[in-house]
C-alpha atoms as a PDB file:
ATOM      1  CA  MET A   1      15.542 -12.271-125.680  1.00  0.00           C
ATOM      2  CA  ASP A   2      12.020 -12.423-124.265  1.00  0.00           C
ATOM      3  CA  GLY A   3      11.034  -8.995-122.929  1.00  0.00           C
ATOM      4  CA  ARG A   4       8.250 -10.138-120.614  1.00  0.00           C
ATOM      5  CA  ASP A   5       8.120  -9.374-116.888  1.00  0.00           C
ATOM      6  CA  TRP A   6       9.592 -12.666-115.705  1.00  0.00           C
ATOM      7  CA  GLY A   7       8.942 -11.966-112.037  1.00  0.00           C
ATOM      8  CA  THR A   8       5.208 -11.652-112.673  1.00  0.00           C
ATOM      9  CA  PHE A   9       5.187 -14.575-115.132  1.00  0.00           C
ATOM     10  CA  LEU A  10       6.781 -16.957-112.611  1.00  0.00           C
ATOM     11  CA  LEU A  11       4.645 -15.945-109.614  1.00  0.00           C
ATOM     12  CA  PRO A  12       1.944 -18.636-110.180  1.00  0.00           C
ATOM     13  CA  TYR A  13       4.671 -21.261-110.556  1.00  0.00           C
ATOM     14  CA  ASP A  14       6.274 -20.178-107.282  1.00  0.00           C
ATOM     15  CA  GLN A  15       2.894 -20.476-105.609  1.00  0.00           C
ATOM     16  CA  ALA A  16       2.207 -23.887-107.157  1.00  0.00           C
ATOM     17  CA  VAL A  17       5.548 -25.254-105.960  1.00  0.00           C
ATOM     18  CA  GLU A  18       5.074 -23.993-102.398  1.00  0.00           C
ATOM     19  CA  GLU A  19       1.507 -25.308-102.168  1.00  0.00           C
ATOM     20  CA  LEU A  20       2.382 -28.729-103.604  1.00  0.00           C
ATOM     21  CA  LYS A  21       5.363 -29.094-101.271  1.00  0.00           C
ATOM     22  CA  VAL A  22       3.113 -28.448 -98.280  1.00  0.00           C
ATOM     23  CA  LYS A  23       0.473 -30.884 -99.542  1.00  0.00           C
ATOM     24  CA  PHE A  24       2.910 -33.739-100.151  1.00  0.00           C
ATOM     25  CA  LYS A  25       4.660 -33.144 -96.825  1.00  0.00           C
ATOM     26  CA  THR A  26       1.243 -33.284 -95.161  1.00  0.00           C
ATOM     27  CA  MET A  27       0.523 -36.516 -97.043  1.00  0.00           C
ATOM     28  CA  ARG A  28       3.777 -37.950 -95.671  1.00  0.00           C
ATOM     29  CA  ALA A  29       2.861 -36.986 -92.100  1.00  0.00           C
ATOM     30  CA  GLU A  30      -0.635 -38.461 -92.426  1.00  0.00           C
ATOM     31  CA  LEU A  31       0.606 -41.764 -93.845  1.00  0.00           C
ATOM     32  CA  LYS A  32       3.207 -42.022 -91.110  1.00  0.00           C
ATOM     33  CA  LYS A  33       0.534 -41.575 -88.432  1.00  0.00           C
ATOM     34  CA  ARG A  34      -1.876 -43.993 -90.068  1.00  0.00           C
ATOM     35  CA  GLU A  35       0.577 -46.751 -91.004  1.00  0.00           C
ATOM     36  CA  GLU A  36       3.753 -46.001 -88.980  1.00  0.00           C
ATOM     37  CA  TYR A  37       5.571 -45.917 -92.301  1.00  0.00           C
ATOM     38  CA  ALA A  38       5.459 -43.321 -95.058  1.00  0.00           C
ATOM     39  CA  PRO A  39       6.543 -44.197 -98.615  1.00  0.00           C
ATOM     40  CA  ILE A  40       7.625 -40.550 -98.974  1.00  0.00           C
ATOM     41  CA  GLU A  41      11.060 -39.872 -97.496  1.00  0.00           C
ATOM     42  CA  PHE A  42      11.150 -36.144 -98.258  1.00  0.00           C
ATOM     43  CA  VAL A  43       9.881 -33.560-100.743  1.00  0.00           C
ATOM     44  CA  THR A  44      11.656 -30.749-102.566  1.00  0.00           C
ATOM     45  CA  GLY A  45      10.573 -28.289-105.235  1.00  0.00           C
ATOM     46  CA  ARG A  46      11.877 -25.574-107.498  1.00  0.00           C
ATOM     47  CA  VAL A  47      10.864 -23.148-110.216  1.00  0.00           C
ATOM     48  CA  LYS A  48      13.013 -23.458-113.324  1.00  0.00           C
ATOM     49  CA  LYS A  49      15.581 -20.704-113.803  1.00  0.00           C
ATOM     50  CA  ILE A  50      14.857 -18.239-116.594  1.00  0.00           C
ATOM     51  CA  SER A  51      18.007 -19.248-118.476  1.00  0.00           C
ATOM     52  CA  SER A  52      16.954 -22.909-118.295  1.00  0.00           C
ATOM     53  CA  ILE A  53      13.455 -22.056-119.567  1.00  0.00           C
ATOM     54  CA  LEU A  54      14.938 -20.180-122.533  1.00  0.00           C
ATOM     55  CA  ASP A  55      17.408 -23.003-123.277  1.00  0.00           C
ATOM     56  CA  LYS A  56      14.655 -25.610-123.221  1.00  0.00           C
ATOM     57  CA  ALA A  57      12.327 -23.477-125.323  1.00  0.00           C
ATOM     58  CA  LYS A  58      15.066 -23.132-127.928  1.00  0.00           C
ATOM     59  CA  ARG A  59      15.836 -26.865-127.874  1.00  0.00           C
ATOM     60  CA  LEU A  60      12.149 -27.833-128.201  1.00  0.00           C
ATOM     61  CA  GLN A  61      11.374 -24.982-130.609  1.00  0.00           C
ATOM     62  CA  VAL A  62       8.705 -23.545-128.310  1.00  0.00           C
ATOM     63  CA  SER A  63       7.738 -19.993-129.199  1.00  0.00           C
ATOM     64  CA  PRO A  64       7.696 -17.317-126.440  1.00  0.00           C
ATOM     65  CA  ASP A  65       3.886 -17.127-126.460  1.00  0.00           C
ATOM     66  CA  GLN A  66       3.625 -20.923-125.905  1.00  0.00           C
ATOM     67  CA  LEU A  67       5.846 -21.270-122.843  1.00  0.00           C
ATOM     68  CA  GLU A  68       2.950 -22.003-120.465  1.00  0.00           C
ATOM     69  CA  THR A  69       1.910 -25.077-122.435  1.00  0.00           C
ATOM     70  CA  GLY A  70       5.142 -25.961-124.235  1.00  0.00           C
ATOM     71  CA  ILE A  71       7.414 -26.165-121.179  1.00  0.00           C
ATOM     72  CA  GLU A  72       5.827 -28.581-118.733  1.00  0.00           C
ATOM     73  CA  ASP A  73       8.374 -28.474-115.921  1.00  0.00           C
ATOM     74  CA  ILE A  74       8.672 -24.773-115.089  1.00  0.00           C
ATOM     75  CA  ALA A  75       7.223 -25.835-111.728  1.00  0.00           C
ATOM     76  CA  GLY A  76       8.943 -28.980-110.498  1.00  0.00           C
ATOM     77  CA  ILE A  77       8.354 -31.198-107.465  1.00  0.00           C
ATOM     78  CA  ARG A  78      10.607 -34.082-106.446  1.00  0.00           C
ATOM     79  CA  ILE A  79       9.355 -36.785-104.125  1.00  0.00           C
ATOM     80  CA  MET A  80      12.040 -39.085-102.731  1.00  0.00           C
ATOM     81  CA  CYS A  81      11.319 -42.633-101.591  1.00  0.00           C
ATOM     82  CA  GLN A  82      13.401 -45.229 -99.770  1.00  0.00           C
ATOM     83  CA  PHE A  83      12.428 -48.141-102.000  1.00  0.00           C
ATOM     84  CA  VAL A  84      11.549 -48.649-105.664  1.00  0.00           C
ATOM     85  CA  GLU A  85       8.288 -50.297-104.572  1.00  0.00           C
ATOM     86  CA  ASP A  86       7.227 -47.061-102.897  1.00  0.00           C
ATOM     87  CA  ILE A  87       7.329 -45.112-106.175  1.00  0.00           C
ATOM     88  CA  ARG A  88       4.254 -46.835-107.671  1.00  0.00           C
ATOM     89  CA  ARG A  89       2.403 -46.438-104.406  1.00  0.00           C
ATOM     90  CA  VAL A  90       3.070 -42.694-104.242  1.00  0.00           C
ATOM     91  CA  ALA A  91       2.057 -42.313-107.900  1.00  0.00           C
ATOM     92  CA  GLU A  92      -1.267 -43.989-107.116  1.00  0.00           C
ATOM     93  CA  TYR A  93      -1.885 -41.612-104.210  1.00  0.00           C
ATOM     94  CA  ILE A  94      -1.292 -38.681-106.567  1.00  0.00           C
ATOM     95  CA  ARG A  95      -3.661 -40.089-109.219  1.00  0.00           C
ATOM     96  CA  ARG A  96      -6.452 -40.193-106.610  1.00  0.00           C
ATOM     97  CA  ARG A  97      -6.096 -36.538-105.603  1.00  0.00           C
ATOM     98  CA  LYS A  98      -8.922 -34.151-106.481  1.00  0.00           C
ATOM     99  CA  ASP A  99      -6.863 -30.962-106.219  1.00  0.00           C
ATOM    100  CA  LEU A 100      -4.815 -31.648-109.365  1.00  0.00           C
ATOM    101  CA  THR A 101      -5.247 -33.413-112.701  1.00  0.00           C
ATOM    102  CA  VAL A 102      -2.714 -35.896-114.041  1.00  0.00           C
ATOM    103  CA  LEU A 103      -2.307 -35.330-117.787  1.00  0.00           C
ATOM    104  CA  TYR A 104       0.158 -38.109-118.496  1.00  0.00           C
ATOM    105  CA  GLU A 105       3.036 -40.088-117.022  1.00  0.00           C
ATOM    106  CA  LYS A 106       6.562 -40.966-118.126  1.00  0.00           C
ATOM    107  CA  ASP A 107       7.987 -44.166-116.676  1.00  0.00           C
ATOM    108  CA  TYR A 108      11.773 -43.900-116.836  1.00  0.00           C
ATOM    109  CA  ILE A 109      12.163 -46.754-114.359  1.00  0.00           C
ATOM    110  CA  THR A 110      10.812 -49.522-116.562  1.00  0.00           C
ATOM    111  CA  ASN A 111      11.972 -47.678-119.682  1.00  0.00           C
ATOM    112  CA  TYR A 112      15.108 -45.986-118.413  1.00  0.00           C
ATOM    113  CA  LYS A 113      17.049 -43.620-120.641  1.00  0.00           C
ATOM    114  CA  ASP A 114      20.202 -44.600-122.502  1.00  0.00           C
ATOM    115  CA  SER A 115      22.185 -42.433-120.090  1.00  0.00           C
ATOM    116  CA  GLY A 116      21.008 -44.631-117.212  1.00  0.00           C
ATOM    117  CA  TYR A 117      18.533 -42.046-115.884  1.00  0.00           C
ATOM    118  CA  ARG A 118      15.713 -43.578-113.846  1.00  0.00           C
ATOM    119  CA  SER A 119      12.717 -41.739-112.406  1.00  0.00           C
ATOM    120  CA  PHE A 120       8.920 -41.656-112.606  1.00  0.00           C
ATOM    121  CA  HIS A 121       7.432 -38.425-113.958  1.00  0.00           C
ATOM    122  CA  MET A 122       3.871 -37.158-113.764  1.00  0.00           C
ATOM    123  CA  ILE A 123       2.761 -34.047-115.657  1.00  0.00           C
ATOM    124  CA  VAL A 124      -0.133 -32.418-113.830  1.00  0.00           C
ATOM    125  CA  GLU A 125      -2.410 -29.412-114.102  1.00  0.00           C
ATOM    126  CA  TYR A 126      -2.626 -27.541-110.823  1.00  0.00           C
ATOM    127  CA  PRO A 127      -5.087 -24.681-110.104  1.00  0.00           C
ATOM    128  CA  VAL A 128      -3.540 -21.630-108.441  1.00  0.00           C
ATOM    129  CA  GLN A 129      -5.732 -18.952-106.911  1.00  0.00           C
ATOM    130  CA  THR A 130      -3.982 -15.690-107.792  1.00  0.00           C
ATOM    131  CA  ALA A 131      -4.960 -12.126-106.958  1.00  0.00           C
ATOM    132  CA  LEU A 132      -6.438 -11.871-110.457  1.00  0.00           C
ATOM    133  CA  GLY A 133      -8.364 -15.132-110.310  1.00  0.00           C
ATOM    134  CA  LEU A 134      -7.857 -18.844-110.897  1.00  0.00           C
ATOM    135  CA  LYS A 135      -4.921 -19.880-113.086  1.00  0.00           C
ATOM    136  CA  ILE A 136      -4.106 -23.423-114.196  1.00  0.00           C
ATOM    137  CA  VAL A 137      -0.381 -24.126-114.369  1.00  0.00           C
ATOM    138  CA  LEU A 138       1.540 -27.182-115.507  1.00  0.00           C
ATOM    139  CA  ALA A 139       3.884 -28.888-113.073  1.00  0.00           C
ATOM    140  CA  GLU A 140       6.123 -31.920-113.257  1.00  0.00           C
ATOM    141  CA  ILE A 141       6.267 -34.316-110.315  1.00  0.00           C
ATOM    142  CA  GLN A 142       9.322 -36.576-110.242  1.00  0.00           C
ATOM    143  CA  ILE A 143       9.202 -39.616-107.964  1.00  0.00           C
ATOM    144  CA  ARG A 144      12.464 -41.462-107.405  1.00  0.00           C
ATOM    145  CA  THR A 145      14.551 -43.293-104.845  1.00  0.00           C
ATOM    146  CA  LEU A 146      17.377 -41.646-102.930  1.00  0.00           C
ATOM    147  CA  ALA A 147      19.912 -43.512-105.090  1.00  0.00           C
ATOM    148  CA  MET A 148      18.205 -42.390-108.298  1.00  0.00           C
ATOM    149  CA  ASN A 149      18.133 -38.810-107.047  1.00  0.00           C
ATOM    150  CA  PHE A 150      21.822 -38.827-106.135  1.00  0.00           C
ATOM    151  CA  TRP A 151      22.749 -40.022-109.619  1.00  0.00           C
ATOM    152  CA  ALA A 152      20.374 -37.596-111.378  1.00  0.00           C
ATOM    153  CA  THR A 153      21.712 -34.629-109.386  1.00  0.00           C
ATOM    154  CA  ILE A 154      25.312 -35.415-110.371  1.00  0.00           C
ATOM    155  CA  GLU A 155      24.364 -36.074-113.994  1.00  0.00           C
ATOM    156  CA  HIS A 156      22.454 -32.777-114.183  1.00  0.00           C
ATOM    157  CA  SER A 157      25.423 -30.823-112.829  1.00  0.00           C
ATOM    158  CA  LEU A 158      27.810 -32.408-115.335  1.00  0.00           C
ATOM    159  CA  SER A 159      25.386 -31.874-118.215  1.00  0.00           C
ATOM    160  CA  TYR A 160      25.160 -28.193-117.298  1.00  0.00           C
ATOM    161  CA  LYS A 161      28.954 -27.924-117.166  1.00  0.00           C
ATOM    162  CA  TYR A 162      29.387 -29.539-120.584  1.00  0.00           C
ATOM    163  CA  ARG A 163      26.216 -27.959-122.056  1.00  0.00           C
ATOM    164  CA  GLU A 164      24.718 -31.446-122.562  1.00  0.00           C
ATOM    165  CA  SER A 165      27.677 -32.566-124.678  1.00  0.00           C
ATOM    166  CA  LEU A 166      29.275 -34.944-122.212  1.00  0.00           C
ATOM    167  CA  PRO A 167      32.560 -36.572-123.304  1.00  0.00           C
ATOM    168  CA  GLY A 168      32.195 -40.232-124.262  1.00  0.00           C
ATOM    169  CA  GLU A 169      34.255 -41.477-121.329  1.00  0.00           C
ATOM    170  CA  MET A 170      32.181 -39.398-118.895  1.00  0.00           C
ATOM    171  CA  ARG A 171      28.940 -40.800-120.344  1.00  0.00           C
ATOM    172  CA  ALA A 172      30.244 -44.344-119.948  1.00  0.00           C
ATOM    173  CA  ARG A 173      31.247 -43.772-116.342  1.00  0.00           C
ATOM    174  CA  LEU A 174      27.903 -42.170-115.535  1.00  0.00           C
ATOM    175  CA  LYS A 175      26.061 -45.092-117.071  1.00  0.00           C
ATOM    176  CA  LYS A 176      28.133 -47.483-114.994  1.00  0.00           C
ATOM    177  CA  ALA A 177      27.297 -45.428-111.900  1.00  0.00           C
ATOM    178  CA  ALA A 178      23.583 -45.569-112.799  1.00  0.00           C
ATOM    179  CA  GLU A 179      23.796 -49.365-112.976  1.00  0.00           C
ATOM    180  CA  ALA A 180      25.462 -49.395-109.550  1.00  0.00           C
ATOM    181  CA  ALA A 181      22.640 -47.220-108.166  1.00  0.00           C
ATOM    182  CA  PHE A 182      20.108 -49.654-109.663  1.00  0.00           C
ATOM    183  CA  VAL A 183      21.882 -52.590-107.986  1.00  0.00           C
ATOM    184  CA  LEU A 184      21.825 -50.669-104.694  1.00  0.00           C
ATOM    185  CA  ASP A 185      18.074 -50.090-104.997  1.00  0.00           C
ATOM    186  CA  ASN A 186      17.528 -53.798-105.683  1.00  0.00           C
ATOM    187  CA  GLU A 187      19.634 -54.760-102.671  1.00  0.00           C
ATOM    188  CA  MET A 188      17.675 -52.385-100.449  1.00  0.00           C
ATOM    189  CA  SER A 189      14.419 -53.867-101.756  1.00  0.00           C
ATOM    190  CA  SER A 190      15.637 -57.389-100.938  1.00  0.00           C
ATOM    191  CA  ILE A 191      16.076 -56.462 -97.259  1.00  0.00           C
ATOM    192  CA  ARG A 192      13.136 -54.046 -97.167  1.00  0.00           C
ATOM    193  CA  LEU A 193      11.265 -55.838 -94.374  1.00  0.00           C
ATOM    194  CA  GLU A 194      14.335 -55.913 -92.133  1.00  0.00           C
ATOM    195  CA  ILE A 195      14.931 -52.201 -92.744  1.00  0.00           C
ATOM    196  CA  LEU A 196      11.306 -51.310 -91.982  1.00  0.00           C
ATOM    197  CA  GLU A 197      11.333 -53.405 -88.799  1.00  0.00           C
ATOM    198  CA  ALA A 198      14.504 -51.660 -87.619  1.00  0.00           C
ATOM    199  CA  GLN A 199      13.008 -48.234 -88.389  1.00  0.00           C
ATOM    200  CA  LYS A 200       9.772 -49.114 -86.582  1.00  0.00           C
ATOM    201  CA  LYS A 201      11.723 -50.320 -83.531  1.00  0.00           C
ATOM    202  CA  PHE A 202      13.637 -47.051 -83.458  1.00  0.00           C
ATOM    203  CA  GLU A 203      10.415 -45.003 -83.768  1.00  0.00           C
ATOM    204  CA  ASP A 204       8.681 -47.010 -81.030  1.00  0.00           C
ATOM    205  CA  GLU A 205      11.601 -46.562 -78.640  1.00  0.00           C
ATOM    206  CA  ALA A 206      11.811 -42.840 -79.403  1.00  0.00           C
ATOM    207  CA  ASN A 207       8.069 -42.460 -78.728  1.00  0.00           C
ATOM    208  CA  ILE A 208       8.275 -44.280 -75.385  1.00  0.00           C
ATOM    209  CA  VAL A 209      11.191 -42.123 -74.232  1.00  0.00           C
ATOM    210  CA  SER A 210       9.318 -38.969 -75.244  1.00  0.00           C
ATOM    211  CA  LYS A 211       6.157 -40.086 -73.409  1.00  0.00           C
ATOM    212  CA  VAL A 212       8.064 -40.949 -70.224  1.00  0.00           C
ATOM    213  CA  LEU A 213       9.881 -37.608 -70.124  1.00  0.00           C
ATOM    214  CA  THR A 214       6.681 -35.694 -70.890  1.00  0.00           C
ATOM    215  CA  GLY A 215       4.838 -37.637 -68.188  1.00  0.00           C
ATOM    216  CA  MET A 216       7.515 -36.922 -65.588  1.00  0.00           C
ATOM    217  CA  HIS A 217       7.365 -33.235 -66.446  1.00  0.00           C
ATOM    218  CA  ARG A 218       3.583 -33.246 -65.949  1.00  0.00           C
ATOM    219  CA  LEU A 219       3.976 -34.799 -62.494  1.00  0.00           C
ATOM    220  CA  TYR A 220       5.519 -31.519 -61.323  1.00  0.00           C
ATOM    221  CA  PHE A 221       2.219 -29.765 -61.987  1.00  0.00           C
ATOM    222  CA  TYR A 222       0.537 -32.133 -59.509  1.00  0.00           C
ATOM    223  CA  HIS A 223       3.259 -31.370 -56.906  1.00  0.00           C
ATOM    224  CA  LYS A 224       4.573 -34.955 -57.034  1.00  0.00           C
ATOM    225  CA  ILE A 225       8.127 -33.743 -56.459  1.00  0.00           C
ATOM    226  CA  SER A 226       9.599 -36.808 -54.730  1.00  0.00           C
ATOM    227  CA  GLU A 227       7.888 -39.163 -57.210  1.00  0.00           C
ATOM    228  CA  THR A 228       9.258 -37.163 -60.118  1.00  0.00           C
ATOM    229  CA  ILE A 229      12.799 -37.161 -58.733  1.00  0.00           C
ATOM    230  CA  GLU A 230      12.647 -40.936 -58.191  1.00  0.00           C
ATOM    231  CA  ALA A 231      11.248 -41.510 -61.685  1.00  0.00           C
ATOM    232  CA  GLN A 232      14.027 -39.358 -63.160  1.00  0.00           C
ATOM    233  CA  ARG A 233      16.655 -41.325 -61.230  1.00  0.00           C
ATOM    234  CA  ARG A 234      15.264 -44.632 -62.513  1.00  0.00           C
ATOM    235  CA  PHE A 235      15.027 -43.309 -66.052  1.00  0.00           C
ATOM    236  CA  ASN A 236      18.674 -42.244 -65.994  1.00  0.00           C
ATOM    237  CA  GLU A 237      19.761 -45.721 -64.876  1.00  0.00           C
ATOM    238  CA  LEU A 238      17.562 -47.496 -67.413  1.00  0.00           C
ATOM    239  CA  TRP A 239      18.692 -45.193 -70.232  1.00  0.00           C
ATOM    240  CA  GLU A 240      22.344 -45.786 -69.343  1.00  0.00           C
ATOM    241  CA  GLN A 241      21.733 -49.547 -69.665  1.00  0.00           C
ATOM    242  CA  HIS A 242      19.471 -49.048 -72.708  1.00  0.00           C
ATOM    243  CA  ASP A 243      16.862 -51.150 -70.917  1.00  0.00           C
ATOM    244  CA  MET A 244      13.828 -50.388 -73.074  1.00  0.00           C
ATOM    245  CA  GLU A 245      11.627 -52.920 -71.295  1.00  0.00           C
ATOM    246  CA  GLY A 246      12.377 -51.176 -68.028  1.00  0.00           C
ATOM    247  CA  ILE A 247      11.610 -47.778 -69.609  1.00  0.00           C
ATOM    248  CA  LYS A 248       8.280 -49.128 -70.878  1.00  0.00           C
ATOM    249  CA  GLN A 249       7.448 -50.311 -67.360  1.00  0.00           C
ATOM    250  CA  LEU A 250       8.430 -46.898 -65.966  1.00  0.00           C
ATOM    251  CA  HIS A 251       6.151 -45.278 -68.565  1.00  0.00           C
ATOM    252  CA  ASP A 252       3.223 -47.385 -67.327  1.00  0.00           C
ATOM    253  CA  GLU A 253       3.934 -46.407 -63.707  1.00  0.00           C
ATOM    254  CA  VAL A 254       4.207 -42.703 -64.539  1.00  0.00           C
ATOM    255  CA  LYS A 255       0.963 -42.969 -66.516  1.00  0.00           C
ATOM    256  CA  GLU A 256      -0.793 -44.544 -63.503  1.00  0.00           C
ATOM    257  CA  MET A 257       0.498 -41.776 -61.207  1.00  0.00           C
ATOM    258  CA  LEU A 258      -0.813 -39.135 -63.615  1.00  0.00           C
ATOM    259  CA  GLU A 259      -4.226 -40.789 -63.827  1.00  0.00           C
ATOM    260  CA  SER A 260      -4.391 -41.047 -60.035  1.00  0.00           C
ATOM    261  CA  SER A 261      -3.351 -37.386 -59.646  1.00  0.00           C
ATOM    262  CA  THR A 262      -5.985 -36.296 -62.146  1.00  0.00           C
ATOM    263  CA  LYS A 263      -8.711 -38.156 -60.209  1.00  0.00           C
ATOM    264  CA  GLU A 264      -7.533 -36.599 -56.936  1.00  0.00           C
ATOM    265  CA  GLU A 265      -7.680 -33.134 -58.470  1.00  0.00           C
ATOM    266  CA  ASP A 266     -11.183 -33.771 -59.812  1.00  0.00           C
ATOM    267  CA  ARG A 267     -12.380 -34.858 -56.340  1.00  0.00           C
ATOM    268  CA  ASP A 268     -10.864 -31.749 -54.731  1.00  0.00           C
ATOM    269  CA  GLU A 269     -12.665 -29.515 -57.205  1.00  0.00           C
ATOM    270  CA  GLN A 270     -15.989 -31.173 -56.403  1.00  0.00           C
END
C-alpha cells in the first residue's frame, strides 16, 4: 500500500478539475450567446478515487513513483453533447486553447471498443498554480453524446460490480445496448435541424417573455402604474392563449413606453 499523503497528492488534480469545469462551462455560455446554440450540453468532472488509482496502477504496472505520468486520467472532465457532429467541433475548440496542451487523442467513436464503448478522449497537460508554484498535471477530457454517456455510466457500474469480469451474457446485452445507443445518435443527427429550430423557437419565446416582464417591472419605477396594470392584464390574456405574436407586440409597446419615460426623466433633470 502506498504510504504517501494522498490528500496533498490529489490537491492539484482537484484544482485542475474545478478550473477546467469553470472554463468549459464559460465556453458553453459564450458560444450560446454568440451563436444561439452551444455544442456543449453540460460539463462534469471528477478526481479518480484512490482505490481506482491503485487498481489501474496495478493493471498497467505503473510504479508508485510514476503515478503522475503513468496514470493519465486522475483528473477527468466529461463534456456532453447533443449530437455526434458536435463532438468534433468541441475537440477543435479545445485544440485551439492556449491554457492547456493536447498531448494526444483517442477516437473511440470511429474506432469503438469491442464492448461497444464510444467516446472521444483527449489527454492534456494543464498548468495549476499551487501555493508552492506552478505544477503541470495530466487530465483526460472525454467528449461524448448523452446516449454514449448513459451507456458508459451503466457499463462502468457493472464493470465495477464484476471487477471487470463481466459474464458473457451481460457483455452481449451491453453490446446490443451500445448499438441501440448508436442508432439513437444517428436518428437524432438525421433530424438535427428540426431539433435545433425547435430549441431556438423555445429560447426566443422565453427571452421575449422575460423582456416583457422585466420591462413592465421597470415601468413602476417611472410611476406608470395604470400603464403597468393594463400591460399586465394584456400579458395574462396573451399568455393564456399562448399568443406569442401578441406578446412580441406588447414587448414593443412596453419598450416604447420605457424609452419615452426615460426621455421625460432626462428633460426634468435638465
